[in-house]
Amino acid sequence: MRKLLSGILFLACAAALPAARNLEIYFIDVEGGQSTLLVSPSGESMLVDTGWAGFNGRDAGRIAAAAKAAGVKKIDYLLITH
């Protein structure tokens, strides 16, 4: 009986814990290639490349939409490759 109660308590505690997050990678179509948004399990974000400023901010809008979908409120790191 004691083992059964311990098992039930263990399962109840495990169900109450938040699920571990995964590394999330978003590929964003921008002029001349792609921009990549990485979101770490801790919630930090890194954006690789930003697209082009033309087309009335089309690329910036796409990046902002991907960040919103990822739950990112700010970009922590930015890497420009070219």
C-alpha atoms as a PDB file:
ATOM      1  CA  MET A   1       0.000   0.000   0.000  1.00  0.00           C
ATOM      2  CA  ARG A   2       2.842   2.331   0.859  1.00  0.00           C
ATOM      3  CA  LYS A   3       4.474   1.758  -2.548  1.00  0.00           C
ATOM      4  CA  LEU A   4       1.170   2.468  -4.279  1.00  0.00           C
ATOM      5  CA  LEU A   5       0.738   5.776  -2.433  1.00  0.00           C
ATOM      6  CA  SER A   6       4.360   6.723  -3.176  1.00  0.00           C
ATOM      7  CA  GLY A   7       3.827   5.942  -6.858  1.00  0.00           C
ATOM      8  CA  ILE A   8       0.646   8.011  -7.017  1.00  0.00           C
ATOM      9  CA  LEU A   9       2.378  10.921  -5.273  1.00  0.00           C
ATOM     10  CA  PHE A  10       5.322  10.681  -7.674  1.00  0.00           C
ATOM     11  CA  LEU A  11       3.045  10.732 -10.731  1.00  0.00           C
ATOM     12  CA  ALA A  12       1.043  13.653  -9.351  1.00  0.00           C
ATOM     13  CA  CYS A  13       4.215  15.679  -8.776  1.00  0.00           C
ATOM     14  CA  ALA A  14       5.604  14.818 -12.216  1.00  0.00           C
ATOM     15  CA  ALA A  15       2.376  15.946 -13.869  1.00  0.00           C
ATOM     16  CA  ALA A  16       2.546  19.278 -12.022  1.00  0.00           C
ATOM     17  CA  LEU A  17       6.069  20.096 -13.269  1.00  0.00           C
ATOM     18  CA  PRO A  18       6.379  22.286 -16.348  1.00  0.00           C
ATOM     19  CA  ALA A  19       7.500  20.503 -19.501  1.00  0.00           C
ATOM     20  CA  ALA A  20      11.075  21.090 -20.598  1.00  0.00           C
ATOM     21  CA  ARG A  21      11.377  23.371 -23.622  1.00  0.00           C
ATOM     22  CA  ASN A  22      13.278  22.478 -26.763  1.00  0.00           C
ATOM     23  CA  LEU A  23      15.555  24.508 -28.993  1.00  0.00           C
ATOM     24  CA  GLU A  24      13.253  26.135 -31.550  1.00  0.00           C
ATOM     25  CA  ILE A  25      14.517  27.195 -34.988  1.00  0.00           C
ATOM     26  CA  TYR A  26      12.484  29.370 -37.353  1.00  0.00           C
ATOM     27  CA  PHE A  27      13.541  29.852 -40.982  1.00  0.00           C
ATOM     28  CA  ILE A  28      12.214  33.138 -42.371  1.00  0.00           C
ATOM     29  CA  ASP A  29      12.081  33.882 -46.111  1.00  0.00           C
ATOM     30  CA  VAL A  30      13.752  37.247 -46.722  1.00  0.00           C
ATOM     31  CA  GLU A  31      15.148  38.984 -49.811  1.00  0.00           C
ATOM     32  CA  GLY A  32      18.255  37.212 -51.060  1.00  0.00           C
ATOM     33  CA  GLY A  33      18.048  34.200 -48.772  1.00  0.00           C
ATOM     34  CA  GLN A  34      16.786  33.550 -45.311  1.00  0.00           C
ATOM     35  CA  SER A  35      16.840  34.864 -41.793  1.00  0.00           C
ATOM     36  CA  THR A  36      17.015  32.379 -38.934  1.00  0.00           C
ATOM     37  CA  LEU A  37      15.521  32.856 -35.472  1.00  0.00           C
ATOM     38  CA  LEU A  38      16.778  30.542 -32.737  1.00  0.00           C
ATOM     39  CA  VAL A  39      15.046  30.349 -29.363  1.00  0.00           C
ATOM     40  CA  SER A  40      16.910  28.462 -26.648  1.00  0.00           C
ATOM     41  CA  PRO A  41      15.238  26.313 -23.988  1.00  0.00           C
ATOM     42  CA  SER A  42      15.902  29.130 -21.497  1.00  0.00           C
ATOM     43  CA  GLY A  43      14.014  31.586 -23.745  1.00  0.00           C
ATOM     44  CA  GLU A  44      16.994  33.558 -25.068  1.00  0.00           C
ATOM     45  CA  SER A  45      16.786  34.412 -28.752  1.00  0.00           C
ATOM     46  CA  MET A  46      19.279  34.922 -31.554  1.00  0.00           C
ATOM     47  CA  LEU A  47      18.529  36.263 -35.017  1.00  0.00           C
ATOM     48  CA  VAL A  48      20.901  35.400 -37.856  1.00  0.00           C
ATOM     49  CA  ASP A  49      20.629  37.942 -40.705  1.00  0.00           C
ATOM     50  CA  THR A  50      17.879  40.510 -41.076  1.00  0.00           C
ATOM     51  CA  GLY A  51      16.939  40.640 -44.729  1.00  0.00           C
ATOM     52  CA  TRP A  52      16.618  43.837 -46.713  1.00  0.00           C
ATOM     53  CA  ALA A  53      15.143  47.154 -45.644  1.00  0.00           C
ATOM     54  CA  GLY A  54      13.317  47.647 -48.960  1.00  0.00           C
ATOM     55  CA  PHE A  55       9.856  46.508 -50.012  1.00  0.00           C
ATOM     56  CA  ASN A  56       8.220  48.731 -47.356  1.00  0.00           C
ATOM     57  CA  GLY A  57       9.627  46.702 -44.464  1.00  0.00           C
ATOM     58  CA  ARG A  58       8.432  43.335 -45.788  1.00  0.00           C
ATOM     59  CA  ASP A  59      11.383  41.394 -44.322  1.00  0.00           C
ATOM     60  CA  ALA A  60      11.157  43.148 -40.958  1.00  0.00           C
ATOM     61  CA  GLY A  61       7.452  42.323 -40.848  1.00  0.00           C
ATOM     62  CA  ARG A  62       8.134  38.662 -41.553  1.00  0.00           C
ATOM     63  CA  ILE A  63      10.784  38.534 -38.819  1.00  0.00           C
ATOM     64  CA  ALA A  64       8.447  40.271 -36.351  1.00  0.00           C
ATOM     65  CA  ALA A  65       5.668  37.779 -37.182  1.00  0.00           C
ATOM     66  CA  ALA A  66       8.001  34.817 -36.615  1.00  0.00           C
ATOM     67  CA  ALA A  67       9.209  36.305 -33.316  1.00  0.00           C
ATOM     68  CA  LYS A  68       5.617  36.790 -32.180  1.00  0.00           C
ATOM     69  CA  ALA A  69       4.751  33.190 -33.121  1.00  0.00           C
ATOM     70  CA  ALA A  70       7.785  32.040 -31.105  1.00  0.00           C
ATOM     71  CA  GLY A  71       6.771  34.116 -28.083  1.00  0.00           C
ATOM     72  CA  VAL A  72       9.883  36.287 -28.367  1.00  0.00           C
ATOM     73  CA  LYS A  73       9.495  39.812 -27.015  1.00  0.00           C
ATOM     74  CA  LYS A  74      13.079  40.935 -27.760  1.00  0.00           C
ATOM     75  CA  ILE A  75      16.066  39.671 -29.723  1.00  0.00           C
ATOM     76  CA  ASP A  76      18.905  38.924 -27.298  1.00  0.00           C
ATOM     77  CA  TYR A  77      21.636  38.336 -29.893  1.00  0.00           C
ATOM     78  CA  LEU A  78      22.032  39.387 -33.526  1.00  0.00           C
ATOM     79  CA  LEU A  79      24.489  37.868 -36.007  1.00  0.00           C
ATOM     80  CA  ILE A  80      24.959  39.485 -39.415  1.00  0.00           C
ATOM     81  CA  THR A  81      26.808  37.210 -41.835  1.00  0.00           C
ATOM     82  CA  HIS A  82      27.041  39.552 -44.834  1.00  0.00           C
END
